[in-house]
Amino acid sequence: MKVTICIGSACHIKGSRQIVECFQDQIEKNDLGAVVELNGSFCMGNCRNGVCVKVNDRMFSVTPEIAESFFNEEVKSKLI
């Protein structure tokens, strides 16, 4: 599964670094390194509400406050 997080300036201000760190932690804790490819990207054009996160071909807006629950719902649960 490919997960891409925007690290452009607007998303950086909205907390992309915290989301990257959260996702890295979740990937490690759940031993998903072999099945989750975590990438960074500059502007993906959808940064109005939160940080742009793309899971495969679906685009989402994520905030640091919901990053862990988002990961569990949109990434981890799809792999089980």
Protein backbone atom coordinates (compact mmCIF):
# COMPACT_ATOMS: atom_id res chain seq x y z
CA MET A 1 0.00 0.00 0.00
CA LYS A 2 1.38 3.40 -0.96
CA VAL A 3 0.85 6.29 1.47
CA THR A 4 1.98 9.77 0.43
CA ILE A 5 2.00 12.76 2.79
CA CYS A 6 2.32 16.32 1.55
CA ILE A 7 5.34 18.08 3.03
CA GLY A 8 4.84 21.36 1.16
CA SER A 9 4.80 24.64 3.07
CA ALA A 10 1.02 24.89 3.65
CA CYS A 11 0.78 21.30 4.88
CA HIS A 12 3.97 21.66 6.91
CA ILE A 13 2.33 24.52 8.82
CA LYS A 14 -0.75 22.32 9.39
CA GLY A 15 1.33 19.53 10.95
CA SER A 16 2.63 17.25 8.21
CA ARG A 17 5.77 16.48 10.23
CA GLN A 18 3.70 15.20 13.16
CA ILE A 19 1.65 13.05 10.79
CA VAL A 20 4.78 11.59 9.17
CA GLU A 21 6.16 10.75 12.61
CA CYS A 22 2.86 9.21 13.71
CA PHE A 23 2.62 7.06 10.59
CA GLN A 24 6.26 5.97 10.92
CA ASP A 25 5.57 4.98 14.52
CA GLN A 26 2.42 3.05 13.58
CA ILE A 27 4.20 1.25 10.74
CA GLU A 28 6.97 0.20 13.13
CA LYS A 29 4.65 -0.76 16.01
CA ASN A 30 2.48 -2.89 13.73
CA ASP A 31 5.38 -4.37 11.74
CA LEU A 32 3.97 -3.05 8.44
CA GLY A 33 7.24 -1.94 6.85
CA ALA A 34 7.07 -4.67 4.24
CA VAL A 35 3.57 -3.72 3.07
CA VAL A 36 3.30 0.06 3.58
CA GLU A 37 5.39 2.39 1.43
CA LEU A 38 5.51 5.83 3.09
CA ASN A 39 6.41 8.75 0.81
CA GLY A 40 6.57 12.51 0.95
CA SER A 41 5.46 14.88 -1.78
CA PHE A 42 5.24 18.59 -2.33
CA CYS A 43 1.87 20.25 -2.98
CA MET A 44 -0.81 17.79 -3.99
CA GLY A 45 -3.42 20.54 -4.41
CA ASN A 46 -5.86 19.72 -1.62
CA CYS A 47 -4.56 21.52 1.46
CA ARG A 48 -7.57 23.58 2.51
CA ASN A 49 -8.70 21.58 5.54
CA GLY A 50 -5.64 19.68 6.68
CA VAL A 51 -2.55 17.89 5.48
CA CYS A 52 -2.97 16.09 2.16
CA VAL A 53 -2.57 12.36 2.54
CA LYS A 54 -2.97 10.02 -0.39
CA VAL A 55 -3.59 6.32 0.26
CA ASN A 56 -3.07 4.51 -3.02
CA ASP A 57 -5.29 6.68 -5.26
CA ARG A 58 -7.61 8.21 -2.62
CA MET A 59 -6.97 11.72 -1.30
CA PHE A 60 -7.71 12.74 2.30
CA SER A 61 -7.22 15.77 4.56
CA VAL A 62 -5.72 14.75 7.89
CA THR A 63 -4.85 16.71 11.02
CA PRO A 64 -2.26 15.64 13.59
CA GLU A 65 -5.07 15.11 16.12
CA ILE A 66 -6.67 12.34 14.03
CA ALA A 67 -3.51 10.91 12.45
CA GLU A 68 -3.40 7.70 14.50
CA SER A 69 -7.10 6.89 14.11
CA PHE A 70 -6.88 7.74 10.41
CA PHE A 71 -3.94 5.36 10.00
CA ASN A 72 -5.83 2.59 11.79
CA GLU A 73 -8.99 3.08 9.71
CA GLU A 74 -7.60 3.83 6.25
CA VAL A 75 -4.33 1.90 6.24
CA LYS A 76 -4.05 -0.80 8.90
CA SER A 77 -7.63 -2.07 8.67
CA LYS A 78 -7.32 -2.45 4.89
CA LEU A 79 -4.30 -4.72 5.30
CA ILE A 80 -5.82 -7.17 7.78
